[in-house]
C-alpha atoms as a PDB file:
ATOM      1  CA  UNK A   1      97.538 141.081 118.228  1.00  0.00           C
ATOM      2  CA  UNK A   2      94.684 142.254 120.422  1.00  0.00           C
ATOM      3  CA  UNK A   3      91.929 144.397 118.955  1.00  0.00           C
ATOM      4  CA  UNK A   4      90.479 147.441 120.700  1.00  0.00           C
ATOM      5  CA  UNK A   5      86.897 146.853 121.830  1.00  0.00           C
ATOM      6  CA  UNK A   6      85.967 150.469 122.450  1.00  0.00           C
ATOM      7  CA  UNK A   7      87.339 153.945 123.103  1.00  0.00           C
ATOM      8  CA  UNK A   8      87.127 155.279 126.645  1.00  0.00           C
ATOM      9  CA  UNK A   9      87.654 158.730 128.078  1.00  0.00           C
ATOM     10  CA  UNK A  10      89.330 159.416 131.410  1.00  0.00           C
ATOM     11  CA  UNK A  11      87.080 161.514 133.647  1.00  0.00           C
ATOM     12  CA  UNK A  12      87.564 163.210 136.995  1.00  0.00           C
ATOM     13  CA  UNK A  13      85.439 161.734 139.786  1.00  0.00           C
ATOM     14  CA  UNK A  14      86.094 163.450 143.113  1.00  0.00           C
ATOM     15  CA  UNK A  15      89.853 163.332 143.726  1.00  0.00           C
ATOM     16  CA  UNK A  16      90.299 160.351 141.380  1.00  0.00           C
ATOM     17  CA  UNK A  17      90.269 159.637 137.670  1.00  0.00           C
ATOM     18  CA  UNK A  18      87.946 156.987 136.256  1.00  0.00           C
ATOM     19  CA  UNK A  19      86.947 155.299 133.019  1.00  0.00           C
ATOM     20  CA  UNK A  20      83.676 153.650 132.051  1.00  0.00           C
ATOM     21  CA  UNK A  21      83.980 150.091 130.753  1.00  0.00           C
ATOM     22  CA  UNK A  22      81.621 148.846 128.062  1.00  0.00           C
ATOM     23  CA  UNK A  23      79.103 146.056 128.711  1.00  0.00           C
ATOM     24  CA  UNK A  24      80.794 144.179 125.845  1.00  0.00           C
ATOM     25  CA  UNK A  25      83.488 143.151 128.346  1.00  0.00           C
ATOM     26  CA  UNK A  26      80.936 141.107 130.344  1.00  0.00           C
ATOM     27  CA  UNK A  27      82.255 142.356 133.687  1.00  0.00           C
ATOM     28  CA  UNK A  28      80.118 142.200 136.810  1.00  0.00           C
ATOM     29  CA  UNK A  29      79.560 145.010 139.289  1.00  0.00           C
ATOM     30  CA  UNK A  30      81.988 144.593 142.175  1.00  0.00           C
ATOM     31  CA  UNK A  31      84.299 142.297 140.182  1.00  0.00           C
ATOM     32  CA  UNK A  32      87.935 142.874 141.114  1.00  0.00           C
ATOM     33  CA  UNK A  33      90.581 143.444 138.446  1.00  0.00           C
ATOM     34  CA  UNK A  34      94.355 143.763 138.498  1.00  0.00           C
ATOM     35  CA  UNK A  35      95.650 146.757 136.553  1.00  0.00           C
ATOM     36  CA  UNK A  36      99.070 146.492 134.908  1.00  0.00           C
ATOM     37  CA  UNK A  37     100.984 149.171 133.003  1.00  0.00           C
ATOM     38  CA  UNK A  38     104.040 148.161 130.976  1.00  0.00           C
ATOM     39  CA  UNK A  39     107.121 150.224 130.099  1.00  0.00           C
ATOM     40  CA  UNK A  40     105.474 151.468 126.887  1.00  0.00           C
ATOM     41  CA  UNK A  41     102.438 152.738 128.799  1.00  0.00           C
ATOM     42  CA  UNK A  42     100.010 150.023 127.669  1.00  0.00           C
ATOM     43  CA  UNK A  43      97.388 149.279 130.322  1.00  0.00           C
ATOM     44  CA  UNK A  44      96.022 145.773 130.813  1.00  0.00           C
ATOM     45  CA  UNK A  45      93.137 144.758 133.076  1.00  0.00           C
ATOM     46  CA  UNK A  46      93.174 141.161 134.332  1.00  0.00           C
ATOM     47  CA  UNK A  47      90.271 139.622 136.277  1.00  0.00           C
ATOM     48  CA  UNK A  48      91.206 138.585 139.804  1.00  0.00           C
ATOM     49  CA  UNK A  49      90.624 134.847 140.157  1.00  0.00           C
ATOM     50  CA  UNK A  50      89.446 133.240 143.387  1.00  0.00           C
ATOM     51  CA  UNK A  51      92.138 131.720 145.610  1.00  0.00           C
ATOM     52  CA  UNK A  52      91.616 127.989 145.080  1.00  0.00           C
ATOM     53  CA  UNK A  53      93.709 127.149 148.136  1.00  0.00           C
ATOM     54  CA  UNK A  54      91.253 128.886 150.509  1.00  0.00           C
ATOM     55  CA  UNK A  55      88.240 126.813 149.476  1.00  0.00           C
ATOM     56  CA  UNK A  56      89.839 123.535 148.374  1.00  0.00           C
ATOM     57  CA  UNK A  57      89.305 120.341 150.324  1.00  0.00           C
ATOM     58  CA  UNK A  58      92.283 118.260 151.488  1.00  0.00           C
ATOM     59  CA  UNK A  59      91.650 115.822 148.626  1.00  0.00           C
ATOM     60  CA  UNK A  60      91.537 118.630 146.044  1.00  0.00           C
ATOM     61  CA  UNK A  61      94.807 120.035 147.379  1.00  0.00           C
ATOM     62  CA  UNK A  62      96.471 116.620 147.081  1.00  0.00           C
ATOM     63  CA  UNK A  63      95.202 116.269 143.499  1.00  0.00           C
ATOM     64  CA  UNK A  64      96.711 119.639 142.492  1.00  0.00           C
ATOM     65  CA  UNK A  65     100.142 117.966 142.396  1.00  0.00           C
ATOM     66  CA  UNK A  66      99.446 114.569 140.778  1.00  0.00           C
ATOM     67  CA  UNK A  67     103.030 114.010 139.599  1.00  0.00           C
ATOM     68  CA  UNK A  68     104.645 115.165 142.856  1.00  0.00           C
ATOM     69  CA  UNK A  69     106.828 117.760 141.119  1.00  0.00           C
ATOM     70  CA  UNK A  70     105.776 120.577 143.444  1.00  0.00           C
ATOM     71  CA  UNK A  71     106.896 118.559 146.453  1.00  0.00           C
ATOM     72  CA  UNK A  72     110.277 117.697 144.937  1.00  0.00           C
ATOM     73  CA  UNK A  73     111.161 121.006 143.232  1.00  0.00           C
ATOM     74  CA  UNK A  74     112.890 123.606 145.413  1.00  0.00           C
ATOM     75  CA  UNK A  75     111.626 127.156 144.992  1.00  0.00           C
ATOM     76  CA  UNK A  76     114.313 129.432 143.552  1.00  0.00           C
ATOM     77  CA  UNK A  77     114.310 132.648 141.528  1.00  0.00           C
ATOM     78  CA  UNK A  78     115.389 130.723 138.425  1.00  0.00           C
ATOM     79  CA  UNK A  79     112.301 128.491 138.360  1.00  0.00           C
ATOM     80  CA  UNK A  80     109.908 131.322 139.270  1.00  0.00           C
ATOM     81  CA  UNK A  81     110.778 133.346 136.134  1.00  0.00           C
ATOM     82  CA  UNK A  82     111.458 136.452 138.228  1.00  0.00           C
ATOM     83  CA  UNK A  83     112.463 139.445 136.109  1.00  0.00           C
END
């Protein structure tokens, strides 16, 4: 179970709503986050990770599939865990 780090209050800022995030989260100014809200209304923030495929060298790309499974596994909804 996750523990709450801090309480935040939703504030109006222009035509938008905003929250202030505590320094305890170690976020950086300008850092991008994905925001998810589940069916129960819980909100989760997930840091956006860099796209490794944009900056990887040809050798790094080849090493991302050392066992060759990605090359031999067809992409279907069943193996993508699509809800």
